[in-house]
Amino acid sequence: MMQCKVMCLAAVAAVAVAGVAMACPMERAVYVEPETGAKLHFRAAESWEQAGMTKHVMDLDLPDGRKLWGVVSENMGTSRDTGNLFLGCERPGPDSTLPTEAEMAECRVWSGVVYALAGSRIADTPYPQDEAPPALILSDVGRQLRYAVMDGPQDAMWDQFNLESCTE
């Protein structure tokens, strides 16, 4: 009986450790929009990408092969996390000068609030090392991208992205 208790406790502990290991940090999360298959990839920000209140760096792969780049920024807890996606201008690199707001506006194709969705609750996006939520809502991304980059309403996506995988 005592041997079973020890082995059972060991098994429960192993399952608990495996569950923690399976958690995906936000900075490695990959989300998919179920209607179009568009994929939203998060990654760790490089030092030059952490200007201002940048919380996350992301790429959106569209079904037609185009790739948009973007960021999610926080506002010191006084507002909701906001996201921006860009197409038609280069992502700033380690040796480039930061573009002006006017230059960024020319290639911004989406700007909106980003919410985490877990169960029936919405929340702010977690920090990069925290566990990725099961879904994200990028408010109005579908409509804005439809008019900015899509060929027509048949290519439009919705605003919810579901956690699909975790990159290594």
Protein backbone atom coordinates (compact mmCIF):
# COMPACT_ATOMS: atom_id res chain seq x y z
CA MET A 1 0.00 0.00 0.00
CA MET A 2 2.79 2.41 0.91
CA GLN A 3 4.61 1.60 -2.33
CA CYS A 4 1.47 2.46 -4.33
CA LYS A 5 1.16 5.85 -2.55
CA VAL A 6 4.75 6.72 -3.37
CA MET A 7 4.42 5.59 -6.99
CA CYS A 8 1.05 7.30 -7.41
CA LEU A 9 2.43 10.55 -6.01
CA ALA A 10 5.43 10.27 -8.34
CA ALA A 11 3.10 9.75 -11.31
CA VAL A 12 0.99 12.80 -10.35
CA ALA A 13 4.16 14.89 -9.97
CA ALA A 14 5.41 13.76 -13.40
CA VAL A 15 2.12 14.73 -15.02
CA ALA A 16 2.20 18.13 -13.28
CA VAL A 17 5.76 18.79 -14.48
CA ALA A 18 4.86 17.69 -18.02
CA GLY A 19 1.88 20.10 -17.96
CA VAL A 20 4.15 22.99 -17.03
CA ALA A 21 6.65 22.02 -19.72
CA MET A 22 3.86 21.95 -22.30
CA ALA A 23 2.81 25.54 -21.53
CA CYS A 24 3.75 27.88 -24.36
CA PRO A 25 5.17 31.30 -23.57
CA MET A 26 3.58 34.16 -25.47
CA GLU A 27 6.89 34.99 -27.21
CA ARG A 28 6.80 31.58 -28.97
CA ALA A 29 3.06 31.26 -29.65
CA VAL A 30 1.60 30.66 -33.11
CA TYR A 31 -2.08 31.48 -33.66
CA VAL A 32 -4.29 30.69 -36.65
CA GLU A 33 -7.39 32.47 -37.95
CA PRO A 34 -9.79 29.57 -38.69
CA GLU A 35 -11.59 31.03 -41.74
CA THR A 36 -8.55 31.81 -43.89
CA GLY A 37 -5.70 29.94 -42.20
CA ALA A 38 -3.71 33.16 -41.69
CA LYS A 39 -1.00 32.56 -39.07
CA LEU A 40 0.10 34.99 -36.40
CA HIS A 41 3.61 34.26 -35.08
CA PHE A 42 5.02 35.83 -31.93
CA ARG A 43 8.74 35.90 -31.15
CA ALA A 44 11.13 37.40 -28.64
CA ALA A 45 11.88 41.05 -29.40
CA GLU A 46 15.41 42.06 -30.31
CA SER A 47 16.94 44.93 -28.32
CA TRP A 48 16.30 47.50 -31.08
CA GLU A 49 12.64 46.41 -31.30
CA GLN A 50 11.91 47.26 -27.68
CA ALA A 51 11.48 50.99 -28.22
CA GLY A 52 8.65 52.71 -26.43
CA MET A 53 6.16 50.38 -24.81
CA THR A 54 6.61 47.42 -27.17
CA LYS A 55 5.32 44.28 -25.46
CA HIS A 56 5.33 41.81 -28.37
CA VAL A 57 6.78 41.45 -31.87
CA MET A 58 4.72 39.51 -34.39
CA ASP A 59 4.37 38.48 -38.03
CA LEU A 60 1.11 37.69 -39.82
CA ASP A 61 1.42 35.22 -42.69
CA LEU A 62 -1.47 35.67 -45.13
CA PRO A 63 -2.74 32.71 -47.17
CA ASP A 64 -1.47 34.30 -50.41
CA GLY A 65 2.13 34.28 -49.09
CA ARG A 66 2.42 37.92 -48.06
CA LYS A 67 3.90 38.61 -44.64
CA LEU A 68 2.91 41.55 -42.48
CA TRP A 69 5.01 42.57 -39.49
CA GLY A 70 3.83 44.21 -36.35
CA VAL A 71 3.97 44.97 -32.67
CA VAL A 72 1.73 44.95 -29.63
CA SER A 73 2.34 47.82 -27.22
CA GLU A 74 1.14 48.47 -23.71
CA ASN A 75 0.24 51.81 -22.24
CA MET A 76 1.58 51.56 -18.68
CA GLY A 77 -1.60 49.91 -17.42
CA THR A 78 -3.80 52.90 -18.19
CA SER A 79 -5.24 51.60 -21.43
CA ARG A 80 -5.62 48.40 -23.42
CA ASP A 81 -2.77 46.77 -25.34
CA THR A 82 -2.73 48.08 -28.91
CA GLY A 83 -1.49 46.32 -32.01
CA ASN A 84 -0.24 47.55 -35.35
CA LEU A 85 0.48 45.61 -38.54
CA PHE A 86 2.55 46.96 -41.42
CA LEU A 87 2.98 46.10 -45.10
CA GLY A 88 5.13 47.85 -47.68
CA CYS A 89 7.91 49.13 -45.45
CA GLU A 90 10.87 47.39 -43.92
CA ARG A 91 10.87 46.36 -40.30
CA PRO A 92 13.45 48.51 -38.48
CA GLY A 93 16.72 46.64 -37.95
CA PRO A 94 19.75 47.04 -35.70
CA ASP A 95 21.50 49.44 -38.06
CA SER A 96 18.52 51.41 -39.36
CA THR A 97 17.10 54.62 -38.02
CA LEU A 98 13.65 54.45 -36.56
CA PRO A 99 11.03 55.64 -39.04
CA THR A 100 8.97 58.69 -38.22
CA GLU A 101 5.31 58.34 -37.28
CA ALA A 102 4.37 59.75 -40.71
CA GLU A 103 6.50 57.09 -42.45
CA MET A 104 4.93 54.36 -40.32
CA ALA A 105 1.42 55.64 -41.06
CA GLU A 106 2.03 55.15 -44.79
CA CYS A 107 2.49 51.40 -44.41
CA ARG A 108 0.22 50.71 -41.39
CA VAL A 109 -2.60 48.41 -42.53
CA TRP A 110 -4.13 47.67 -39.13
CA SER A 111 -4.29 49.35 -35.75
CA GLY A 112 -6.50 48.17 -32.91
CA VAL A 113 -6.88 46.77 -29.43
CA VAL A 114 -5.52 43.26 -28.77
CA TYR A 115 -7.28 41.10 -26.17
CA ALA A 116 -6.40 37.72 -24.74
CA LEU A 117 -9.37 35.34 -24.62
CA ALA A 118 -9.50 32.48 -22.14
CA GLY A 119 -12.84 30.76 -21.72
CA SER A 120 -15.46 33.47 -21.70
CA ARG A 121 -13.17 36.17 -20.29
CA ILE A 122 -11.13 38.81 -22.08
CA ALA A 123 -7.92 40.22 -20.63
CA ASP A 124 -4.73 42.04 -21.55
CA THR A 125 -2.15 40.05 -23.46
CA PRO A 126 0.32 38.30 -21.17
CA TYR A 127 3.96 39.34 -20.96
CA PRO A 128 6.36 37.58 -23.36
CA GLN A 129 7.51 34.89 -20.90
CA ASP A 130 4.00 34.22 -19.52
CA GLU A 131 1.74 31.47 -20.84
CA ALA A 132 0.00 32.20 -24.13
CA PRO A 133 -3.81 32.33 -23.92
CA PRO A 134 -5.98 29.93 -25.94
CA ALA A 135 -7.11 32.74 -28.26
CA LEU A 136 -6.53 36.38 -29.17
CA ILE A 137 -8.92 39.01 -30.45
CA LEU A 138 -7.37 41.60 -32.77
CA SER A 139 -10.19 44.12 -32.85
CA ASP A 140 -11.36 45.01 -36.37
CA VAL A 141 -8.35 43.37 -38.06
CA GLY A 142 -10.55 41.52 -40.55
CA ARG A 143 -12.36 44.60 -41.81
CA GLN A 144 -9.26 46.81 -41.89
CA LEU A 145 -7.19 44.23 -43.78
CA ARG A 146 -10.07 43.55 -46.17
CA TYR A 147 -9.92 47.15 -47.38
CA ALA A 148 -6.15 47.61 -47.07
CA VAL A 149 -4.64 44.42 -48.50
CA MET A 150 -7.24 41.81 -49.51
CA ASP A 151 -8.60 41.30 -53.02
CA GLY A 152 -12.22 41.17 -51.90
CA PRO A 153 -14.69 40.04 -49.26
CA GLN A 154 -14.04 36.38 -50.06
CA ASP A 155 -10.52 36.80 -48.61
CA ALA A 156 -11.61 38.59 -45.44
CA MET A 157 -10.66 37.12 -42.10
CA TRP A 158 -12.27 37.43 -38.70
CA ASP A 159 -10.79 38.99 -35.59
CA GLN A 160 -10.22 35.83 -33.50
CA PHE A 161 -6.99 33.82 -33.68
CA ASN A 162 -6.70 30.46 -31.90
CA LEU A 163 -3.51 29.10 -30.38
CA GLU A 164 -2.19 26.43 -32.75
CA SER A 165 1.37 25.66 -31.69
CA CYS A 166 4.52 26.79 -29.98
CA THR A 167 7.82 27.38 -31.80
CA GLU A 168 11.06 25.98 -30.45
